[in-house]
Each structure stands twice: as structure tokens, then as C-alpha cells.
Amino acid sequence: MDWIINDELGLTVGHVVGYVSAAFMVVGGVLPYVPQYKQIKQTQDPEGFSLHVCLALLIANSLRILFWFSSRFEIPLLVQSVVMNITMFIMIHLCVTVRRNNAIMRTRERVFSDFDTRYFWSWTDFQSYLDFMLVVWVVGAAVTYLMLSVTWFMETIGFLAVFTEAMLGAPQFLRNYKNKSTHGMSICMVIMWTAGDMFKTGYFILRHAPTQFWICGTLQVSLDLAILLQVYIYRKNPPRSSHRGD
């Protein structure tokens, strides 16, 4: 039996652990991006960080929010998705601003409304990223409303949400592989990714979250470890002198 901390409130150790775990689930996912944000801010160099990580997380968490209307999983997971989306927009805003400030000469603006697939997610203004996600949200909400009663469709949405999040490390892994360097990527961020994903996967299992959650959590941890292996393999490689925009 749990040790009662407060008889009047009926607060137990189990309750405290549950509340702390829930709070960590909400904010823990965004903590790894704090050192990366600070590093970009200090160096004024965003090229080591892949903006496609932000794309993966925005899509994943938006799908998770839609999935909640079908499978009412725990509120902390829902709140985490909202907080993560806000965090990704903050990261995108920083990277776009730094790139614009670093531009030696003014080049042609690349915006979402051009509908040029060659520059998808490499737009030169922050508003384009907001516009794209607004389209995703409107279309996603409309389709979800129409298909809410179709079980297999909503289960697929749930799987795509966690699978996309599980693959968020893939753009960073590919960027490191292409550059043969991890220069500009915050190693602290990846270490925190790994620790957070391990905690999150364990949380999914213990809280009996939908099966898709913990299976994809395991995949996510595997990618984190692969990126840490790149840090070791490329540790002596110099940074690339130039980068193409992500």
C-alpha cells in the first residue's frame, strides 16, 4: 500500500510520482532544444541543425492531436504535443532570422505561396512555415471530422503520428552523414533526446499507452544512439566550409 503523505487529501507516493512524470512528459520533450537554441544564438550559425527535425515534429504532434479525438489518451501527452509545436516554431524562427542576417547579398525570396517544390521547407521567411502548417491543420481537421467514426483510419493516424516522431532523428542523421561532420549540432541536445526518449518509452509501457507509442519509441531511441555513434565516428573531421540551406 502506498505511503499516505496527506490523509486529508489522500495524497500518496504513487500520486506524486504520477504528477511528476506527467509534468516531465509535458516539458521534458522540449528541454533538448534549449542547448541547440543557445548554440545557434551564440554562434549565429544554424547550418548544423536540420530544420527537417522541426518538420517531423510539427507533423507528428499535429497528427497526435487529431488522434486524441478518437483515442482519448492521457492529457499530458496532448499538452506535450501543443508545447512541442510551439517550441518548433521558436526554433524555426531563430534559424530563419539568423540565415537572413547572415546573407551576404539579398537573394530572391523563396516563400510557400510560390508552390515551388524545389524549395519546400527551405523558405526564406518565417510566415511561410506558419502558412504551410495552417494548411495542414485545416485539411487534417476536416478529414478527421469526416472520418472520426472510421476506426482503421484513426488508428492509422495514430500510427503515423508516433512513427513520424520516431523518425525525427533521421534528417539530422542524414545531414551529419552528408557533411561527414556533426559540427553545429548540439551534442547535449542528442544526449537529452536519448534520455528523454528512453523515459518516454518506459512511460508509454507503464501507462499502457496504445501499442504504436512504445514500438515507435523504441525506434526513436535507436536513432538517437545512431546519431551519438556519428559523434564518435566524425569527431576528428573538420566542419564543412559551406552548406546548402536545409
C-alpha atoms as a PDB file:
ATOM      1  CA  MET A   1       0.000   0.000   0.000  1.00  0.00           C
ATOM      2  CA  ASP A   2       1.279   3.481  -0.922  1.00  0.00           C
ATOM      3  CA  TRP A   3       2.538   5.604   1.933  1.00  0.00           C
ATOM      4  CA  ILE A   4      -0.027   8.336   2.667  1.00  0.00           C
ATOM      5  CA  ILE A   5       1.597  11.792   2.694  1.00  0.00           C
ATOM      6  CA  ASN A   6      -1.514  13.738   3.486  1.00  0.00           C
ATOM      7  CA  ASP A   7      -4.503  11.955   4.988  1.00  0.00           C
ATOM      8  CA  GLU A   8      -6.902  14.789   4.242  1.00  0.00           C
ATOM      9  CA  LEU A   9      -6.069  14.952   0.539  1.00  0.00           C
ATOM     10  CA  GLY A  10      -5.414  11.239   0.237  1.00  0.00           C
ATOM     11  CA  LEU A  11      -2.114  12.037  -1.494  1.00  0.00           C
ATOM     12  CA  THR A  12       0.115   9.009  -1.953  1.00  0.00           C
ATOM     13  CA  VAL A  13       3.638   8.445  -3.186  1.00  0.00           C
ATOM     14  CA  GLY A  14       2.092   6.919  -6.291  1.00  0.00           C
ATOM     15  CA  HIS A  15       0.146  10.116  -6.917  1.00  0.00           C
ATOM     16  CA  VAL A  16       3.255  12.269  -6.513  1.00  0.00           C
ATOM     17  CA  VAL A  17       5.263  10.089  -8.887  1.00  0.00           C
ATOM     18  CA  GLY A  18       2.399  10.206 -11.373  1.00  0.00           C
ATOM     19  CA  TYR A  19       2.164  14.004 -11.236  1.00  0.00           C
ATOM     20  CA  VAL A  20       5.934  14.447 -11.592  1.00  0.00           C
ATOM     21  CA  SER A  21       6.040  12.005 -14.506  1.00  0.00           C
ATOM     22  CA  ALA A  22       3.183  13.802 -16.228  1.00  0.00           C
ATOM     23  CA  ALA A  23       4.867  17.185 -15.762  1.00  0.00           C
ATOM     24  CA  PHE A  24       8.119  15.829 -17.156  1.00  0.00           C
ATOM     25  CA  MET A  25       6.256  14.406 -20.155  1.00  0.00           C
ATOM     26  CA  VAL A  26       4.928  17.891 -20.930  1.00  0.00           C
ATOM     27  CA  VAL A  27       8.193  19.855 -20.669  1.00  0.00           C
ATOM     28  CA  GLY A  28      10.801  17.121 -20.983  1.00  0.00           C
ATOM     29  CA  GLY A  29      10.401  16.855 -24.741  1.00  0.00           C
ATOM     30  CA  VAL A  30      11.348  20.492 -25.327  1.00  0.00           C
ATOM     31  CA  LEU A  31      14.351  20.619 -22.986  1.00  0.00           C
ATOM     32  CA  PRO A  32      16.817  19.100 -25.526  1.00  0.00           C
ATOM     33  CA  TYR A  33      16.240  22.070 -27.815  1.00  0.00           C
ATOM     34  CA  VAL A  34      17.375  24.593 -25.212  1.00  0.00           C
ATOM     35  CA  PRO A  35      21.133  23.900 -25.716  1.00  0.00           C
ATOM     36  CA  GLN A  36      20.676  23.818 -29.506  1.00  0.00           C
ATOM     37  CA  TYR A  37      18.830  27.143 -29.416  1.00  0.00           C
ATOM     38  CA  LYS A  38      21.545  28.696 -27.247  1.00  0.00           C
ATOM     39  CA  GLN A  39      24.294  27.337 -29.510  1.00  0.00           C
ATOM     40  CA  ILE A  40      22.703  28.792 -32.643  1.00  0.00           C
ATOM     41  CA  LYS A  41      22.095  32.073 -30.851  1.00  0.00           C
ATOM     42  CA  GLN A  42      25.709  32.307 -29.688  1.00  0.00           C
ATOM     43  CA  THR A  43      27.427  31.171 -32.894  1.00  0.00           C
ATOM     44  CA  GLN A  44      24.925  32.735 -35.310  1.00  0.00           C
ATOM     45  CA  ASP A  45      25.285  29.533 -37.328  1.00  0.00           C
ATOM     46  CA  PRO A  46      22.179  27.356 -37.810  1.00  0.00           C
ATOM     47  CA  GLU A  47      23.623  25.090 -40.503  1.00  0.00           C
ATOM     48  CA  GLY A  48      24.443  22.167 -38.232  1.00  0.00           C
ATOM     49  CA  PHE A  49      20.804  21.801 -37.200  1.00  0.00           C
ATOM     50  CA  SER A  50      18.343  20.260 -39.662  1.00  0.00           C
ATOM     51  CA  LEU A  51      15.074  22.154 -39.930  1.00  0.00           C
ATOM     52  CA  HIS A  52      13.501  18.913 -41.135  1.00  0.00           C
ATOM     53  CA  VAL A  53      13.635  17.812 -37.498  1.00  0.00           C
ATOM     54  CA  CYS A  54      11.141  20.622 -36.853  1.00  0.00           C
ATOM     55  CA  LEU A  55       9.013  19.474 -39.795  1.00  0.00           C
ATOM     56  CA  ALA A  56       8.910  15.899 -38.485  1.00  0.00           C
ATOM     57  CA  LEU A  57       7.869  17.025 -35.015  1.00  0.00           C
ATOM     58  CA  LEU A  58       5.259  19.509 -36.245  1.00  0.00           C
ATOM     59  CA  ILE A  59       3.611  16.851 -38.410  1.00  0.00           C
ATOM     60  CA  ALA A  60       3.901  14.160 -35.729  1.00  0.00           C
ATOM     61  CA  ASN A  61       2.424  16.263 -32.944  1.00  0.00           C
ATOM     62  CA  SER A  62      -0.317  17.666 -35.154  1.00  0.00           C
ATOM     63  CA  LEU A  63      -1.338  14.121 -36.084  1.00  0.00           C
ATOM     64  CA  ARG A  64      -1.228  13.124 -32.426  1.00  0.00           C
ATOM     65  CA  ILE A  65      -3.607  15.964 -31.540  1.00  0.00           C
ATOM     66  CA  LEU A  66      -6.016  14.758 -34.245  1.00  0.00           C
ATOM     67  CA  PHE A  67      -5.666  11.175 -32.989  1.00  0.00           C
ATOM     68  CA  TRP A  68      -6.694  12.306 -29.492  1.00  0.00           C
ATOM     69  CA  PHE A  69     -10.236  12.984 -30.710  1.00  0.00           C
ATOM     70  CA  SER A  70     -10.570   9.281 -31.491  1.00  0.00           C
ATOM     71  CA  SER A  71      -8.477   7.707 -28.741  1.00  0.00           C
ATOM     72  CA  ARG A  72      -8.595   9.879 -25.627  1.00  0.00           C
ATOM     73  CA  PHE A  73      -5.115   9.099 -24.371  1.00  0.00           C
ATOM     74  CA  GLU A  74      -3.713  10.919 -21.338  1.00  0.00           C
ATOM     75  CA  ILE A  75      -3.970  14.714 -21.234  1.00  0.00           C
ATOM     76  CA  PRO A  76      -0.218  15.226 -20.544  1.00  0.00           C
ATOM     77  CA  LEU A  77       0.562  13.640 -23.928  1.00  0.00           C
ATOM     78  CA  LEU A  78      -1.896  16.008 -25.597  1.00  0.00           C
ATOM     79  CA  VAL A  79      -0.462  19.068 -23.844  1.00  0.00           C
ATOM     80  CA  GLN A  80       3.051  17.897 -24.744  1.00  0.00           C
ATOM     81  CA  SER A  81       2.092  17.981 -28.430  1.00  0.00           C
ATOM     82  CA  VAL A  82       0.895  21.585 -28.191  1.00  0.00           C
ATOM     83  CA  VAL A  83       4.018  22.681 -26.290  1.00  0.00           C
ATOM     84  CA  MET A  84       6.282  20.885 -28.779  1.00  0.00           C
ATOM     85  CA  ASN A  85       4.644  22.594 -31.760  1.00  0.00           C
ATOM     86  CA  ILE A  86       5.228  25.989 -30.163  1.00  0.00           C
ATOM     87  CA  THR A  87       8.857  25.066 -29.480  1.00  0.00           C
ATOM     88  CA  MET A  88       9.449  24.011 -33.086  1.00  0.00           C
ATOM     89  CA  PHE A  89       8.145  27.340 -34.354  1.00  0.00           C
ATOM     90  CA  ILE A  90      10.544  29.107 -31.999  1.00  0.00           C
ATOM     91  CA  MET A  91      13.437  27.047 -33.418  1.00  0.00           C
ATOM     92  CA  ILE A  92      12.355  27.755 -37.000  1.00  0.00           C
ATOM     93  CA  HIS A  93      12.039  31.476 -36.314  1.00  0.00           C
ATOM     94  CA  LEU A  94      15.565  31.596 -34.908  1.00  0.00           C
ATOM     95  CA  CYS A  95      17.108  29.672 -37.812  1.00  0.00           C
ATOM     96  CA  VAL A  96      15.316  31.729 -40.475  1.00  0.00           C
ATOM     97  CA  THR A  97      16.245  35.001 -38.774  1.00  0.00           C
ATOM     98  CA  VAL A  98      19.922  34.045 -38.438  1.00  0.00           C
ATOM     99  CA  ARG A  99      20.116  32.906 -42.044  1.00  0.00           C
ATOM    100  CA  ARG A 100      18.604  36.163 -43.272  1.00  0.00           C
ATOM    101  CA  ASN A 101      21.024  38.179 -41.149  1.00  0.00           C
ATOM    102  CA  ASN A 102      23.985  36.140 -42.396  1.00  0.00           C
ATOM    103  CA  ALA A 103      23.098  36.514 -46.081  1.00  0.00           C
ATOM    104  CA  ILE A 104      25.952  38.374 -47.795  1.00  0.00           C
ATOM    105  CA  MET A 105      23.719  39.554 -50.606  1.00  0.00           C
ATOM    106  CA  ARG A 106      19.956  39.737 -50.855  1.00  0.00           C
ATOM    107  CA  THR A 107      18.655  36.832 -52.935  1.00  0.00           C
ATOM    108  CA  ARG A 108      15.194  36.166 -54.318  1.00  0.00           C
ATOM    109  CA  GLU A 109      12.659  35.407 -51.615  1.00  0.00           C
ATOM    110  CA  ARG A 110      11.507  31.784 -51.511  1.00  0.00           C
ATOM    111  CA  VAL A 111       8.043  31.559 -49.999  1.00  0.00           C
ATOM    112  CA  PHE A 112       5.361  28.924 -49.567  1.00  0.00           C
ATOM    113  CA  SER A 113       2.964  30.713 -51.925  1.00  0.00           C
ATOM    114  CA  ASP A 114       5.414  30.136 -54.811  1.00  0.00           C
ATOM    115  CA  PHE A 115       4.448  26.441 -54.639  1.00  0.00           C
ATOM    116  CA  ASP A 116       7.943  25.565 -55.844  1.00  0.00           C
ATOM    117  CA  THR A 117       8.726  22.057 -54.597  1.00  0.00           C
ATOM    118  CA  ARG A 118      12.463  22.623 -55.045  1.00  0.00           C
ATOM    119  CA  TYR A 119      12.410  24.956 -52.050  1.00  0.00           C
ATOM    120  CA  PHE A 120       9.957  23.089 -49.876  1.00  0.00           C
ATOM    121  CA  TRP A 121      10.812  23.707 -46.201  1.00  0.00           C
ATOM    122  CA  SER A 122      13.708  25.919 -47.299  1.00  0.00           C
ATOM    123  CA  TRP A 123      11.704  29.106 -47.420  1.00  0.00           C
ATOM    124  CA  THR A 124      13.329  32.414 -46.585  1.00  0.00           C
ATOM    125  CA  ASP A 125      10.557  33.832 -44.412  1.00  0.00           C
ATOM    126  CA  PHE A 126       9.029  32.543 -41.189  1.00  0.00           C
ATOM    127  CA  GLN A 127       5.462  33.262 -42.318  1.00  0.00           C
ATOM    128  CA  SER A 128       5.728  30.546 -44.992  1.00  0.00           C
ATOM    129  CA  TYR A 129       6.286  27.868 -42.355  1.00  0.00           C
ATOM    130  CA  LEU A 130       3.225  29.099 -40.457  1.00  0.00           C
ATOM    131  CA  ASP A 131       1.152  29.148 -43.647  1.00  0.00           C
ATOM    132  CA  PHE A 132       2.099  25.584 -44.552  1.00  0.00           C
ATOM    133  CA  MET A 133       1.230  24.237 -41.117  1.00  0.00           C
ATOM    134  CA  LEU A 134      -2.053  26.176 -41.149  1.00  0.00           C
ATOM    135  CA  VAL A 135      -2.982  24.338 -44.359  1.00  0.00           C
ATOM    136  CA  VAL A 136      -2.001  21.014 -42.745  1.00  0.00           C
ATOM    137  CA  TRP A 137      -4.145  21.767 -39.683  1.00  0.00           C
ATOM    138  CA  VAL A 138      -7.211  22.837 -41.668  1.00  0.00           C
ATOM    139  CA  VAL A 139      -7.082  19.849 -44.024  1.00  0.00           C
ATOM    140  CA  GLY A 140      -6.287  17.468 -41.173  1.00  0.00           C
ATOM    141  CA  ALA A 141      -9.151  18.751 -39.031  1.00  0.00           C
ATOM    142  CA  ALA A 142     -11.628  18.464 -41.914  1.00  0.00           C
ATOM    143  CA  VAL A 143     -10.595  14.915 -42.808  1.00  0.00           C
ATOM    144  CA  THR A 144     -10.591  13.852 -39.152  1.00  0.00           C
ATOM    145  CA  TYR A 145     -14.099  15.250 -38.670  1.00  0.00           C
ATOM    146  CA  LEU A 146     -15.370  13.255 -41.651  1.00  0.00           C
ATOM    147  CA  MET A 147     -13.529  10.030 -40.756  1.00  0.00           C
ATOM    148  CA  LEU A 148     -13.755  10.134 -36.959  1.00  0.00           C
ATOM    149  CA  SER A 149     -16.019   7.088 -36.793  1.00  0.00           C
ATOM    150  CA  VAL A 150     -13.783   5.002 -39.098  1.00  0.00           C
ATOM    151  CA  THR A 151     -11.629   3.012 -36.678  1.00  0.00           C
ATOM    152  CA  TRP A 152      -8.955   1.797 -39.085  1.00  0.00           C
ATOM    153  CA  PHE A 153      -8.415   5.337 -40.408  1.00  0.00           C
ATOM    154  CA  MET A 154      -7.975   6.876 -36.970  1.00  0.00           C
ATOM    155  CA  GLU A 155      -5.670   4.040 -35.904  1.00  0.00           C
ATOM    156  CA  THR A 156      -3.578   4.799 -38.986  1.00  0.00           C
ATOM    157  CA  ILE A 157      -3.434   8.474 -37.959  1.00  0.00           C
ATOM    158  CA  GLY A 158      -2.194   7.374 -34.532  1.00  0.00           C
ATOM    159  CA  PHE A 159       0.473   5.165 -36.051  1.00  0.00           C
ATOM    160  CA  LEU A 160       1.640   7.870 -38.462  1.00  0.00           C
ATOM    161  CA  ALA A 161       1.888  10.326 -35.561  1.00  0.00           C
ATOM    162  CA  VAL A 162       4.218   8.211 -33.468  1.00  0.00           C
ATOM    163  CA  PHE A 163       6.127   6.818 -36.476  1.00  0.00           C
ATOM    164  CA  THR A 164       6.850  10.313 -37.807  1.00  0.00           C
ATOM    165  CA  GLU A 165       8.068  11.375 -34.366  1.00  0.00           C
ATOM    166  CA  ALA A 166      10.173   8.221 -34.129  1.00  0.00           C
ATOM    167  CA  MET A 167      11.895   9.226 -37.369  1.00  0.00           C
ATOM    168  CA  LEU A 168      12.642  12.799 -36.274  1.00  0.00           C
ATOM    169  CA  GLY A 169      16.313  11.935 -35.837  1.00  0.00           C
ATOM    170  CA  ALA A 170      16.592  10.703 -39.441  1.00  0.00           C
ATOM    171  CA  PRO A 171      17.037  14.194 -41.027  1.00  0.00           C
ATOM    172  CA  GLN A 172      19.775  15.024 -38.528  1.00  0.00           C
ATOM    173  CA  PHE A 173      21.410  11.615 -39.088  1.00  0.00           C
ATOM    174  CA  LEU A 174      21.364  12.121 -42.883  1.00  0.00           C
ATOM    175  CA  ARG A 175      22.664  15.681 -42.570  1.00  0.00           C
ATOM    176  CA  ASN A 176      25.571  14.505 -40.433  1.00  0.00           C
ATOM    177  CA  TYR A 177      26.274  11.675 -42.892  1.00  0.00           C
ATOM    178  CA  LYS A 178      26.224  14.060 -45.865  1.00  0.00           C
ATOM    179  CA  ASN A 179      28.554  16.525 -44.138  1.00  0.00           C
ATOM    180  CA  LYS A 180      30.693  13.781 -42.579  1.00  0.00           C
ATOM    181  CA  SER A 181      30.624  16.058 -39.537  1.00  0.00           C
ATOM    182  CA  THR A 182      28.431  16.847 -36.551  1.00  0.00           C
ATOM    183  CA  HIS A 183      29.722  20.412 -36.316  1.00  0.00           C
ATOM    184  CA  GLY A 184      26.956  22.843 -35.358  1.00  0.00           C
ATOM    185  CA  MET A 185      24.762  20.122 -33.868  1.00  0.00           C
ATOM    186  CA  SER A 186      24.419  20.273 -30.107  1.00  0.00           C
ATOM    187  CA  ILE A 187      25.688  17.003 -28.650  1.00  0.00           C
ATOM    188  CA  CYS A 188      23.904  17.905 -25.426  1.00  0.00           C
ATOM    189  CA  MET A 189      20.668  18.032 -27.414  1.00  0.00           C
ATOM    190  CA  VAL A 190      21.150  14.478 -28.701  1.00  0.00           C
ATOM    191  CA  ILE A 191      22.093  13.156 -25.258  1.00  0.00           C
ATOM    192  CA  MET A 192      18.932  14.732 -23.864  1.00  0.00           C
ATOM    193  CA  TRP A 193      16.975  13.294 -26.799  1.00  0.00           C
ATOM    194  CA  THR A 194      18.202   9.843 -25.852  1.00  0.00           C
ATOM    195  CA  ALA A 195      17.481  10.177 -22.138  1.00  0.00           C
ATOM    196  CA  GLY A 196      14.061  11.699 -22.787  1.00  0.00           C
ATOM    197  CA  ASP A 197      13.086   9.081 -25.357  1.00  0.00           C
ATOM    198  CA  MET A 198      14.096   6.275 -23.004  1.00  0.00           C
ATOM    199  CA  PHE A 199      11.958   7.804 -20.260  1.00  0.00           C
ATOM    200  CA  LYS A 200       9.079   8.393 -22.657  1.00  0.00           C
ATOM    201  CA  THR A 201       9.145   4.830 -23.985  1.00  0.00           C
ATOM    202  CA  GLY A 202       9.138   3.453 -20.448  1.00  0.00           C
ATOM    203  CA  TYR A 203       6.263   5.809 -19.594  1.00  0.00           C
ATOM    204  CA  PHE A 204       4.271   4.522 -22.566  1.00  0.00           C
ATOM    205  CA  ILE A 205       4.760   0.917 -21.464  1.00  0.00           C
ATOM    206  CA  LEU A 206       3.956   1.510 -17.795  1.00  0.00           C
ATOM    207  CA  ARG A 207       0.898   3.655 -18.539  1.00  0.00           C
ATOM    208  CA  HIS A 208      -0.434   1.182 -21.112  1.00  0.00           C
ATOM    209  CA  ALA A 209      -0.432   3.725 -23.923  1.00  0.00           C
ATOM    210  CA  PRO A 210      -1.502   2.488 -27.378  1.00  0.00           C
ATOM    211  CA  THR A 211       0.946  -0.105 -28.753  1.00  0.00           C
ATOM    212  CA  GLN A 212       2.074   2.216 -31.563  1.00  0.00           C
ATOM    213  CA  PHE A 213       3.504   4.604 -28.967  1.00  0.00           C
ATOM    214  CA  TRP A 214       6.035   2.289 -27.331  1.00  0.00           C
ATOM    215  CA  ILE A 215       7.050   0.452 -30.521  1.00  0.00           C
ATOM    216  CA  CYS A 216       7.932   3.711 -32.246  1.00  0.00           C
ATOM    217  CA  GLY A 217       9.532   4.986 -29.036  1.00  0.00           C
ATOM    218  CA  THR A 218      11.969   2.089 -29.250  1.00  0.00           C
ATOM    219  CA  LEU A 219      12.787   3.039 -32.858  1.00  0.00           C
ATOM    220  CA  GLN A 220      13.349   6.620 -31.761  1.00  0.00           C
ATOM    221  CA  VAL A 221      15.872   5.570 -29.111  1.00  0.00           C
ATOM    222  CA  SER A 222      17.716   3.509 -31.734  1.00  0.00           C
ATOM    223  CA  LEU A 223      18.083   6.558 -33.994  1.00  0.00           C
ATOM    224  CA  ASP A 224      19.315   8.662 -31.072  1.00  0.00           C
ATOM    225  CA  LEU A 225      22.032   6.111 -30.374  1.00  0.00           C
ATOM    226  CA  ALA A 226      22.986   6.044 -34.072  1.00  0.00           C
ATOM    227  CA  ILE A 227      23.490   9.836 -34.033  1.00  0.00           C
ATOM    228  CA  LEU A 228      25.638   9.566 -30.907  1.00  0.00           C
ATOM    229  CA  LEU A 229      27.717   6.981 -32.764  1.00  0.00           C
ATOM    230  CA  GLN A 230      28.188   9.532 -35.551  1.00  0.00           C
ATOM    231  CA  VAL A 231      29.546  11.992 -32.993  1.00  0.00           C
ATOM    232  CA  TYR A 232      32.276   9.471 -32.172  1.00  0.00           C
ATOM    233  CA  ILE A 233      32.982   8.466 -35.787  1.00  0.00           C
ATOM    234  CA  TYR A 234      33.197  12.050 -37.109  1.00  0.00           C
ATOM    235  CA  ARG A 235      34.894  13.503 -34.028  1.00  0.00           C
ATOM    236  CA  LYS A 236      38.142  14.315 -35.909  1.00  0.00           C
ATOM    237  CA  ASN A 237      36.514  15.563 -39.097  1.00  0.00           C
ATOM    238  CA  PRO A 238      36.630  19.326 -39.735  1.00  0.00           C
ATOM    239  CA  PRO A 239      33.373  21.192 -40.350  1.00  0.00           C
ATOM    240  CA  ARG A 240      32.307  21.775 -43.931  1.00  0.00           C
ATOM    241  CA  SER A 241      33.260  25.214 -45.149  1.00  0.00           C
ATOM    242  CA  SER A 242      29.873  25.807 -46.735  1.00  0.00           C
ATOM    243  CA  HIS A 243      26.379  24.392 -46.548  1.00  0.00           C
ATOM    244  CA  ARG A 244      23.380  24.412 -48.752  1.00  0.00           C
ATOM    245  CA  GLY A 245      20.259  25.659 -46.968  1.00  0.00           C
ATOM    246  CA  ASP A 246      18.191  22.961 -45.344  1.00  0.00           C
END
